[in-house]
Amino acid sequence: MQARFFRIAELIEAKGLPNVGAPHLKRLSGKVWEMRMKGKDGIARALYQAAGGQRVIVVRFFVKKTQRTPRSEITLAEERAKQNT
């Protein structure tokens, strides 16, 4: 998962955050977006907030156990994103 995370981060650095979209990035709610990673160990998500230009602040990282992203994870990420504003 860590290798996939760094690969997506390199992609963002090379192309720019606005130019990287699905299947790697998806908006969840408000300022919170998710970085989507899939590997042999399962499916993981890094919830982040864009902070101007090329800067990305990862506020939560977890391994998914269900089909949908749990609301509790999104709420926690929103709270952390507010602290970084």
N, C-alpha and C. Protein backbone atom coordinates (compact mmCIF):
# COMPACT_ATOMS: atom_id res chain seq x y z
N MET A 1 0.82 -1.20 0.00
CA MET A 1 0.00 0.00 0.00
C MET A 1 0.87 1.26 0.00
N GLN A 2 1.96 1.18 0.75
CA GLN A 2 2.83 2.35 0.84
C GLN A 2 3.43 2.68 -0.53
N ALA A 3 3.80 1.67 -1.29
CA ALA A 3 4.35 1.90 -2.62
C ALA A 3 3.31 2.53 -3.54
N ARG A 4 2.07 2.08 -3.44
CA ARG A 4 1.00 2.66 -4.26
C ARG A 4 0.75 4.11 -3.86
N PHE A 5 0.79 4.37 -2.55
CA PHE A 5 0.61 5.74 -2.06
C PHE A 5 1.68 6.66 -2.67
N PHE A 6 2.93 6.22 -2.61
CA PHE A 6 4.01 7.04 -3.15
C PHE A 6 3.91 7.18 -4.67
N ARG A 7 3.41 6.17 -5.35
CA ARG A 7 3.22 6.25 -6.81
C ARG A 7 2.19 7.32 -7.15
N ILE A 8 1.09 7.36 -6.43
CA ILE A 8 0.07 8.37 -6.67
C ILE A 8 0.60 9.76 -6.32
N ALA A 9 1.38 9.85 -5.24
CA ALA A 9 1.98 11.14 -4.85
C ALA A 9 2.91 11.64 -5.96
N GLU A 10 3.69 10.73 -6.55
CA GLU A 10 4.57 11.11 -7.67
C GLU A 10 3.75 11.56 -8.87
N LEU A 11 2.65 10.91 -9.11
CA LEU A 11 1.76 11.27 -10.22
C LEU A 11 1.21 12.67 -10.01
N ILE A 12 0.80 12.99 -8.79
CA ILE A 12 0.31 14.33 -8.46
C ILE A 12 1.41 15.36 -8.66
N GLU A 13 2.62 15.02 -8.25
CA GLU A 13 3.74 15.93 -8.39
C GLU A 13 4.07 16.19 -9.87
N ALA A 14 4.00 15.15 -10.68
CA ALA A 14 4.35 15.26 -12.09
C ALA A 14 3.27 15.98 -12.91
N LYS A 15 2.00 15.62 -12.69
CA LYS A 15 0.91 16.15 -13.51
C LYS A 15 0.20 17.34 -12.88
N GLY A 16 0.29 17.48 -11.57
CA GLY A 16 -0.46 18.51 -10.88
C GLY A 16 -1.75 17.94 -10.33
N LEU A 17 -2.12 18.38 -9.16
CA LEU A 17 -3.29 17.84 -8.47
C LEU A 17 -4.57 17.93 -9.29
N PRO A 18 -4.86 19.07 -9.94
CA PRO A 18 -6.11 19.15 -10.72
C PRO A 18 -6.16 18.21 -11.92
N ASN A 19 -5.00 17.74 -12.38
CA ASN A 19 -4.95 16.90 -13.58
C ASN A 19 -4.97 15.41 -13.28
N VAL A 20 -4.98 15.03 -12.02
CA VAL A 20 -5.07 13.61 -11.65
C VAL A 20 -6.49 13.38 -11.13
N GLY A 21 -7.16 12.45 -11.73
CA GLY A 21 -8.54 12.19 -11.33
C GLY A 21 -8.76 10.71 -11.09
N ALA A 22 -9.95 10.25 -11.46
CA ALA A 22 -10.31 8.85 -11.30
C ALA A 22 -9.35 8.01 -12.12
N PRO A 23 -8.99 6.87 -11.69
CA PRO A 23 -9.44 6.12 -10.52
C PRO A 23 -8.63 6.42 -9.26
N HIS A 24 -7.67 7.35 -9.33
CA HIS A 24 -6.79 7.60 -8.20
C HIS A 24 -7.38 8.50 -7.12
N LEU A 25 -8.10 9.54 -7.53
CA LEU A 25 -8.61 10.54 -6.59
C LEU A 25 -10.11 10.71 -6.77
N LYS A 26 -10.79 11.01 -5.65
CA LYS A 26 -12.24 11.22 -5.70
C LYS A 26 -12.64 12.14 -4.55
N ARG A 27 -13.53 13.10 -4.81
CA ARG A 27 -14.02 13.99 -3.76
C ARG A 27 -15.06 13.26 -2.92
N LEU A 28 -14.93 13.38 -1.60
CA LEU A 28 -15.90 12.75 -0.70
C LEU A 28 -16.92 13.75 -0.21
N SER A 29 -16.44 14.82 0.44
CA SER A 29 -17.35 15.85 0.92
C SER A 29 -16.56 17.08 1.30
N GLY A 30 -17.11 18.24 1.02
CA GLY A 30 -16.44 19.49 1.39
C GLY A 30 -15.02 19.55 0.87
N LYS A 31 -14.07 19.71 1.77
CA LYS A 31 -12.67 19.81 1.40
C LYS A 31 -11.95 18.47 1.43
N VAL A 32 -12.67 17.42 1.77
CA VAL A 32 -12.05 16.10 1.95
C VAL A 32 -12.14 15.28 0.65
N TRP A 33 -10.99 14.80 0.22
CA TRP A 33 -10.87 13.94 -0.95
C TRP A 33 -10.27 12.61 -0.51
N GLU A 34 -10.39 11.59 -1.35
CA GLU A 34 -9.77 10.32 -1.04
C GLU A 34 -8.80 9.93 -2.14
N MET A 35 -7.68 9.36 -1.71
CA MET A 35 -6.69 8.78 -2.60
C MET A 35 -6.94 7.28 -2.52
N ARG A 36 -7.17 6.66 -3.67
CA ARG A 36 -7.60 5.27 -3.69
C ARG A 36 -6.44 4.35 -4.06
N MET A 37 -6.19 3.36 -3.20
CA MET A 37 -5.11 2.41 -3.42
C MET A 37 -5.62 0.99 -3.30
N LYS A 38 -5.14 0.14 -4.18
CA LYS A 38 -5.55 -1.26 -4.19
C LYS A 38 -4.29 -2.11 -4.36
N GLY A 39 -4.16 -3.14 -3.54
CA GLY A 39 -3.00 -4.01 -3.62
C GLY A 39 -3.36 -5.42 -3.20
N LYS A 40 -2.34 -6.25 -3.11
CA LYS A 40 -2.60 -7.65 -2.74
C LYS A 40 -3.09 -7.78 -1.31
N ASP A 41 -2.82 -6.76 -0.47
CA ASP A 41 -3.26 -6.78 0.93
C ASP A 41 -4.68 -6.27 1.11
N GLY A 42 -5.30 -5.77 0.06
CA GLY A 42 -6.67 -5.26 0.15
C GLY A 42 -6.79 -3.88 -0.46
N ILE A 43 -7.75 -3.13 0.04
CA ILE A 43 -8.03 -1.79 -0.46
C ILE A 43 -7.80 -0.79 0.66
N ALA A 44 -7.08 0.28 0.35
CA ALA A 44 -6.81 1.30 1.35
C ALA A 44 -7.21 2.66 0.81
N ARG A 45 -7.44 3.58 1.73
CA ARG A 45 -7.78 4.95 1.36
C ARG A 45 -6.97 5.91 2.21
N ALA A 46 -6.52 6.97 1.59
CA ALA A 46 -5.89 8.08 2.29
C ALA A 46 -6.80 9.27 2.08
N LEU A 47 -7.36 9.78 3.15
CA LEU A 47 -8.24 10.95 3.06
C LEU A 47 -7.36 12.17 3.24
N TYR A 48 -7.53 13.15 2.36
CA TYR A 48 -6.66 14.31 2.37
C TYR A 48 -7.42 15.59 2.07
N GLN A 49 -6.72 16.69 2.29
CA GLN A 49 -7.24 18.03 2.00
C GLN A 49 -6.20 18.72 1.13
N ALA A 50 -6.65 19.34 0.05
CA ALA A 50 -5.74 20.12 -0.79
C ALA A 50 -5.51 21.45 -0.09
N ALA A 51 -4.24 21.83 0.00
CA ALA A 51 -3.89 23.07 0.71
C ALA A 51 -3.10 23.99 -0.21
N GLY A 52 -3.75 24.46 -1.26
CA GLY A 52 -3.13 25.40 -2.18
C GLY A 52 -2.06 24.78 -3.06
N GLY A 53 -2.16 25.04 -4.34
CA GLY A 53 -1.15 24.57 -5.28
C GLY A 53 -0.97 23.07 -5.27
N GLN A 54 0.26 22.63 -5.08
CA GLN A 54 0.59 21.21 -5.11
C GLN A 54 0.60 20.57 -3.73
N ARG A 55 0.23 21.30 -2.71
CA ARG A 55 0.31 20.79 -1.34
C ARG A 55 -0.92 19.96 -0.97
N VAL A 56 -0.67 18.79 -0.43
CA VAL A 56 -1.73 17.88 -0.01
C VAL A 56 -1.45 17.49 1.44
N ILE A 57 -2.47 17.60 2.30
CA ILE A 57 -2.33 17.21 3.70
C ILE A 57 -3.17 15.96 3.93
N VAL A 58 -2.51 14.84 4.18
CA VAL A 58 -3.21 13.58 4.46
C VAL A 58 -3.66 13.63 5.91
N VAL A 59 -4.97 13.51 6.12
CA VAL A 59 -5.52 13.61 7.47
C VAL A 59 -5.94 12.26 8.04
N ARG A 60 -6.03 11.24 7.18
CA ARG A 60 -6.44 9.91 7.66
C ARG A 60 -6.05 8.87 6.63
N PHE A 61 -5.56 7.73 7.10
CA PHE A 61 -5.22 6.60 6.23
C PHE A 61 -5.79 5.35 6.88
N PHE A 62 -6.50 4.53 6.11
CA PHE A 62 -7.08 3.31 6.67
C PHE A 62 -7.26 2.25 5.59
N VAL A 63 -7.39 1.01 6.04
CA VAL A 63 -7.67 -0.11 5.15
C VAL A 63 -9.17 -0.34 5.18
N LYS A 64 -9.77 -0.42 4.00
CA LYS A 64 -11.22 -0.60 3.91
C LYS A 64 -11.61 -2.04 4.20
N LYS A 65 -12.70 -2.19 4.92
CA LYS A 65 -13.25 -3.51 5.24
C LYS A 65 -14.61 -3.72 4.57
N THR A 66 -15.23 -2.63 4.13
CA THR A 66 -16.57 -2.70 3.51
C THR A 66 -16.52 -2.03 2.14
N GLN A 67 -17.61 -2.16 1.40
CA GLN A 67 -17.70 -1.58 0.07
C GLN A 67 -17.66 -0.04 0.11
N ARG A 68 -18.38 0.54 1.05
CA ARG A 68 -18.46 2.00 1.16
C ARG A 68 -17.45 2.52 2.16
N THR A 69 -17.02 3.76 1.95
CA THR A 69 -16.14 4.41 2.92
C THR A 69 -17.00 4.74 4.15
N PRO A 70 -16.62 4.26 5.33
CA PRO A 70 -17.42 4.50 6.53
C PRO A 70 -17.59 5.99 6.83
N ARG A 71 -18.78 6.38 7.21
CA ARG A 71 -19.09 7.78 7.52
C ARG A 71 -18.22 8.27 8.67
N SER A 72 -17.91 7.39 9.62
CA SER A 72 -17.08 7.79 10.76
C SER A 72 -15.68 8.21 10.30
N GLU A 73 -15.15 7.56 9.28
CA GLU A 73 -13.83 7.93 8.75
C GLU A 73 -13.89 9.30 8.07
N ILE A 74 -14.96 9.55 7.33
CA ILE A 74 -15.13 10.84 6.66
C ILE A 74 -15.29 11.96 7.68
N THR A 75 -16.08 11.72 8.72
CA THR A 75 -16.29 12.72 9.77
C THR A 75 -14.98 13.04 10.47
N LEU A 76 -14.21 12.03 10.80
CA LEU A 76 -12.91 12.24 11.45
C LEU A 76 -11.99 13.05 10.54
N ALA A 77 -11.97 12.74 9.26
CA ALA A 77 -11.14 13.47 8.31
C ALA A 77 -11.58 14.92 8.19
N GLU A 78 -12.90 15.17 8.20
CA GLU A 78 -13.41 16.55 8.14
C GLU A 78 -12.97 17.34 9.35
N GLU A 79 -13.04 16.72 10.53
CA GLU A 79 -12.61 17.40 11.77
C GLU A 79 -11.13 17.75 11.71
N ARG A 80 -10.33 16.83 11.25
CA ARG A 80 -8.88 17.07 11.13
C ARG A 80 -8.58 18.11 10.07
N ALA A 81 -9.35 18.12 8.99
CA ALA A 81 -9.15 19.11 7.93
C ALA A 81 -9.45 20.52 8.45
N LYS A 82 -10.47 20.64 9.30
CA LYS A 82 -10.79 21.94 9.89
C LYS A 82 -9.66 22.46 10.76
N GLN A 83 -8.97 21.57 11.45
CA GLN A 83 -7.85 21.96 12.30
C GLN A 83 -6.68 22.48 11.48
N ASN A 84 -6.56 22.03 10.22
CA ASN A 84 -5.45 22.44 9.37
C ASN A 84 -5.75 23.71 8.57
N THR A 85 -6.93 24.23 8.68
CA THR A 85 -7.32 25.41 7.91
C THR A 85 -6.82 26.66 8.55
